Amino acid sequence: MSTKKQPAKTNAQTTNTKAPAKKSSVTQKKKELVHASPEQSFWVMNGQILTNLAELRDALAIMSDDVFMHHVTKDRNDFADWIETVLQDTEIAQALRKSKKPNTSRDVIVQKLRFYRI
């Protein structure tokens, strides 16, 4: 005896009854901006003293190539080292090590500062 399977019943009303997706009220928690103590502040060759990423961003906007190249060479990046060891942000430090100009370094910091509460 063979039994025929009945085709599954579909109801047009039930196939499109999904509720609209709710926007998530959970937003990515922003990090607190770290401020270096006076003894751990970054002393730029031109005399500026920096204590956080926002100040570095602003300094890079007006920094000459000569001053930048004093701190960033083929073998070292003083800004990245300071960010990693003092400000405790390895992600920004790694991204900054790839940058070889003040403007591109500033762009890296601007992008990353979106994740900080300023």
C-alpha atoms as a PDB file:
ATOM      1  CA  MET A   1       0.000   0.000   0.000  1.00  0.00           C
ATOM      2  CA  SER A   2       1.500   3.340  -0.989  1.00  0.00           C
ATOM      3  CA  THR A   3       0.639   6.585   0.613  1.00  0.00           C
ATOM      4  CA  LYS A   4       0.967   9.840  -1.179  1.00  0.00           C
ATOM      5  CA  LYS A   5       2.415  12.724   0.711  1.00  0.00           C
ATOM      6  CA  GLN A   6       0.280  15.763   0.705  1.00  0.00           C
ATOM      7  CA  PRO A   7       2.132  18.955  -0.292  1.00  0.00           C
ATOM      8  CA  ALA A   8       2.823  21.158   2.667  1.00  0.00           C
ATOM      9  CA  LYS A   9       0.184  23.785   3.084  1.00  0.00           C
ATOM     10  CA  THR A  10       1.419  27.310   2.837  1.00  0.00           C
ATOM     11  CA  ASN A  11      -0.479  30.291   3.892  1.00  0.00           C
ATOM     12  CA  ALA A  12       0.526  33.586   2.299  1.00  0.00           C
ATOM     13  CA  GLN A  13      -0.458  35.367   5.453  1.00  0.00           C
ATOM     14  CA  THR A  14       1.874  33.329   7.657  1.00  0.00           C
ATOM     15  CA  THR A  15       4.910  33.592   5.392  1.00  0.00           C
ATOM     16  CA  ASN A  16       5.089  37.382   5.644  1.00  0.00           C
ATOM     17  CA  THR A  17       4.137  37.914   9.243  1.00  0.00           C
ATOM     18  CA  LYS A  18       7.594  38.585  10.577  1.00  0.00           C
ATOM     19  CA  ALA A  19       7.662  41.520  12.906  1.00  0.00           C
ATOM     20  CA  PRO A  20       9.918  44.345  11.757  1.00  0.00           C
ATOM     21  CA  ALA A  21      13.385  44.056  13.208  1.00  0.00           C
ATOM     22  CA  LYS A  22      13.821  46.208  16.265  1.00  0.00           C
ATOM     23  CA  LYS A  23      16.787  48.499  16.418  1.00  0.00           C
ATOM     24  CA  SER A  24      19.211  47.333  19.009  1.00  0.00           C
ATOM     25  CA  SER A  25      19.359  49.600  22.001  1.00  0.00           C
ATOM     26  CA  VAL A  26      22.705  48.090  22.874  1.00  0.00           C
ATOM     27  CA  THR A  27      25.483  50.272  21.559  1.00  0.00           C
ATOM     28  CA  GLN A  28      29.153  49.571  21.694  1.00  0.00           C
ATOM     29  CA  LYS A  29      30.470  50.785  24.999  1.00  0.00           C
ATOM     30  CA  LYS A  30      32.995  53.564  24.483  1.00  0.00           C
ATOM     31  CA  LYS A  31      36.335  53.464  26.220  1.00  0.00           C
ATOM     32  CA  GLU A  32      37.364  56.087  28.709  1.00  0.00           C
ATOM     33  CA  LEU A  33      40.072  58.376  27.331  1.00  0.00           C
ATOM     34  CA  VAL A  34      43.309  57.640  29.161  1.00  0.00           C
ATOM     35  CA  HIS A  35      45.338  60.601  30.433  1.00  0.00           C
ATOM     36  CA  ALA A  36      49.024  60.142  31.086  1.00  0.00           C
ATOM     37  CA  SER A  37      50.441  61.365  34.358  1.00  0.00           C
ATOM     38  CA  PRO A  38      52.815  64.346  34.113  1.00  0.00           C
ATOM     39  CA  GLU A  39      55.868  62.095  34.344  1.00  0.00           C
ATOM     40  CA  GLN A  40      54.522  59.807  31.581  1.00  0.00           C
ATOM     41  CA  SER A  41      53.389  62.567  29.229  1.00  0.00           C
ATOM     42  CA  PHE A  42      54.822  62.638  25.727  1.00  0.00           C
ATOM     43  CA  TRP A  43      57.369  65.395  25.188  1.00  0.00           C
ATOM     44  CA  VAL A  44      57.407  66.332  21.507  1.00  0.00           C
ATOM     45  CA  MET A  45      60.664  67.632  20.058  1.00  0.00           C
ATOM     46  CA  ASN A  46      59.048  71.047  19.415  1.00  0.00           C
ATOM     47  CA  GLY A  47      58.207  71.531  23.101  1.00  0.00           C
ATOM     48  CA  GLN A  48      54.596  70.340  23.151  1.00  0.00           C
ATOM     49  CA  ILE A  49      53.600  68.067  26.015  1.00  0.00           C
ATOM     50  CA  LEU A  50      50.858  65.533  25.260  1.00  0.00           C
ATOM     51  CA  THR A  51      48.803  63.611  27.791  1.00  0.00           C
ATOM     52  CA  ASN A  52      46.187  61.780  25.682  1.00  0.00           C
ATOM     53  CA  LEU A  53      45.141  60.686  22.198  1.00  0.00           C
ATOM     54  CA  ALA A  54      43.047  63.783  21.521  1.00  0.00           C
ATOM     55  CA  GLU A  55      46.054  66.006  22.180  1.00  0.00           C
ATOM     56  CA  LEU A  56      48.199  63.847  19.895  1.00  0.00           C
ATOM     57  CA  ARG A  57      45.542  64.105  17.166  1.00  0.00           C
ATOM     58  CA  ASP A  58      45.600  67.902  17.448  1.00  0.00           C
ATOM     59  CA  ALA A  59      49.408  68.037  17.523  1.00  0.00           C
ATOM     60  CA  LEU A  60      49.689  65.874  14.403  1.00  0.00           C
ATOM     61  CA  ALA A  61      47.377  68.252  12.527  1.00  0.00           C
ATOM     62  CA  ILE A  62      49.970  71.021  12.734  1.00  0.00           C
ATOM     63  CA  MET A  63      53.168  69.015  13.139  1.00  0.00           C
ATOM     64  CA  SER A  64      55.953  69.603  10.637  1.00  0.00           C
ATOM     65  CA  ASP A  65      57.472  66.668   8.810  1.00  0.00           C
ATOM     66  CA  ASP A  66      60.820  67.352  10.519  1.00  0.00           C
ATOM     67  CA  VAL A  67      59.346  67.059  13.999  1.00  0.00           C
ATOM     68  CA  PHE A  68      57.374  63.971  12.992  1.00  0.00           C
ATOM     69  CA  MET A  69      60.437  62.306  11.459  1.00  0.00           C
ATOM     70  CA  HIS A  70      62.364  62.926  14.669  1.00  0.00           C
ATOM     71  CA  HIS A  71      59.886  60.667  16.474  1.00  0.00           C
ATOM     72  CA  VAL A  72      59.075  58.241  13.642  1.00  0.00           C
ATOM     73  CA  THR A  73      61.866  56.511  11.760  1.00  0.00           C
ATOM     74  CA  LYS A  74      62.246  53.279   9.867  1.00  0.00           C
ATOM     75  CA  ASP A  75      63.250  51.538  13.080  1.00  0.00           C
ATOM     76  CA  ARG A  76      61.044  53.157  15.703  1.00  0.00           C
ATOM     77  CA  ASN A  77      57.813  55.006  16.336  1.00  0.00           C
ATOM     78  CA  ASP A  78      57.854  56.965  19.583  1.00  0.00           C
ATOM     79  CA  PHE A  79      54.155  57.810  19.323  1.00  0.00           C
ATOM     80  CA  ALA A  80      53.112  54.166  18.935  1.00  0.00           C
ATOM     81  CA  ASP A  81      55.415  53.096  21.759  1.00  0.00           C
ATOM     82  CA  TRP A  82      53.924  55.737  24.064  1.00  0.00           C
ATOM     83  CA  ILE A  83      50.361  54.782  23.152  1.00  0.00           C
ATOM     84  CA  GLU A  84      51.072  51.110  23.754  1.00  0.00           C
ATOM     85  CA  THR A  85      52.979  51.405  27.024  1.00  0.00           C
ATOM     86  CA  VAL A  86      51.436  54.475  28.681  1.00  0.00           C
ATOM     87  CA  LEU A  87      47.927  54.780  27.216  1.00  0.00           C
ATOM     88  CA  GLN A  88      47.538  50.983  27.060  1.00  0.00           C
ATOM     89  CA  ASP A  89      46.039  50.755  23.546  1.00  0.00           C
ATOM     90  CA  THR A  90      47.831  48.108  21.516  1.00  0.00           C
ATOM     91  CA  GLU A  91      45.354  48.304  18.630  1.00  0.00           C
ATOM     92  CA  ILE A  92      46.034  51.971  17.929  1.00  0.00           C
ATOM     93  CA  ALA A  93      49.771  51.479  18.428  1.00  0.00           C
ATOM     94  CA  GLN A  94      49.860  48.707  15.822  1.00  0.00           C
ATOM     95  CA  ALA A  95      47.873  50.758  13.316  1.00  0.00           C
ATOM     96  CA  LEU A  96      50.066  53.788  13.952  1.00  0.00           C
ATOM     97  CA  ARG A  97      53.263  51.845  13.252  1.00  0.00           C
ATOM     98  CA  LYS A  98      52.141  51.439   9.629  1.00  0.00           C
ATOM     99  CA  SER A  99      51.843  55.194   9.166  1.00  0.00           C
ATOM    100  CA  LYS A 100      54.827  57.206   7.995  1.00  0.00           C
ATOM    101  CA  LYS A 101      53.381  60.739   7.701  1.00  0.00           C
ATOM    102  CA  PRO A 102      51.748  63.128  10.190  1.00  0.00           C
ATOM    103  CA  ASN A 103      48.464  63.283   8.244  1.00  0.00           C
ATOM    104  CA  THR A 104      48.054  59.538   7.937  1.00  0.00           C
ATOM    105  CA  SER A 105      48.952  59.090  11.601  1.00  0.00           C
ATOM    106  CA  ARG A 106      46.335  61.659  12.492  1.00  0.00           C
ATOM    107  CA  ASP A 107      43.770  59.834  10.345  1.00  0.00           C
ATOM    108  CA  VAL A 108      44.459  56.614  12.271  1.00  0.00           C
ATOM    109  CA  ILE A 109      43.906  58.370  15.587  1.00  0.00           C
ATOM    110  CA  VAL A 110      40.767  60.184  14.396  1.00  0.00           C
ATOM    111  CA  GLN A 111      39.261  56.871  13.295  1.00  0.00           C
ATOM    112  CA  LYS A 112      40.115  55.138  16.564  1.00  0.00           C
ATOM    113  CA  LEU A 113      38.942  58.027  18.771  1.00  0.00           C
ATOM    114  CA  ARG A 114      35.369  57.254  17.678  1.00  0.00           C
ATOM    115  CA  PHE A 115      35.526  54.405  20.173  1.00  0.00           C
ATOM    116  CA  TYR A 116      36.494  56.699  23.056  1.00  0.00           C
ATOM    117  CA  ARG A 117      34.461  58.950  25.274  1.00  0.00           C
ATOM    118  CA  ILE A 118      36.056  62.379  24.993  1.00  0.00           C
END
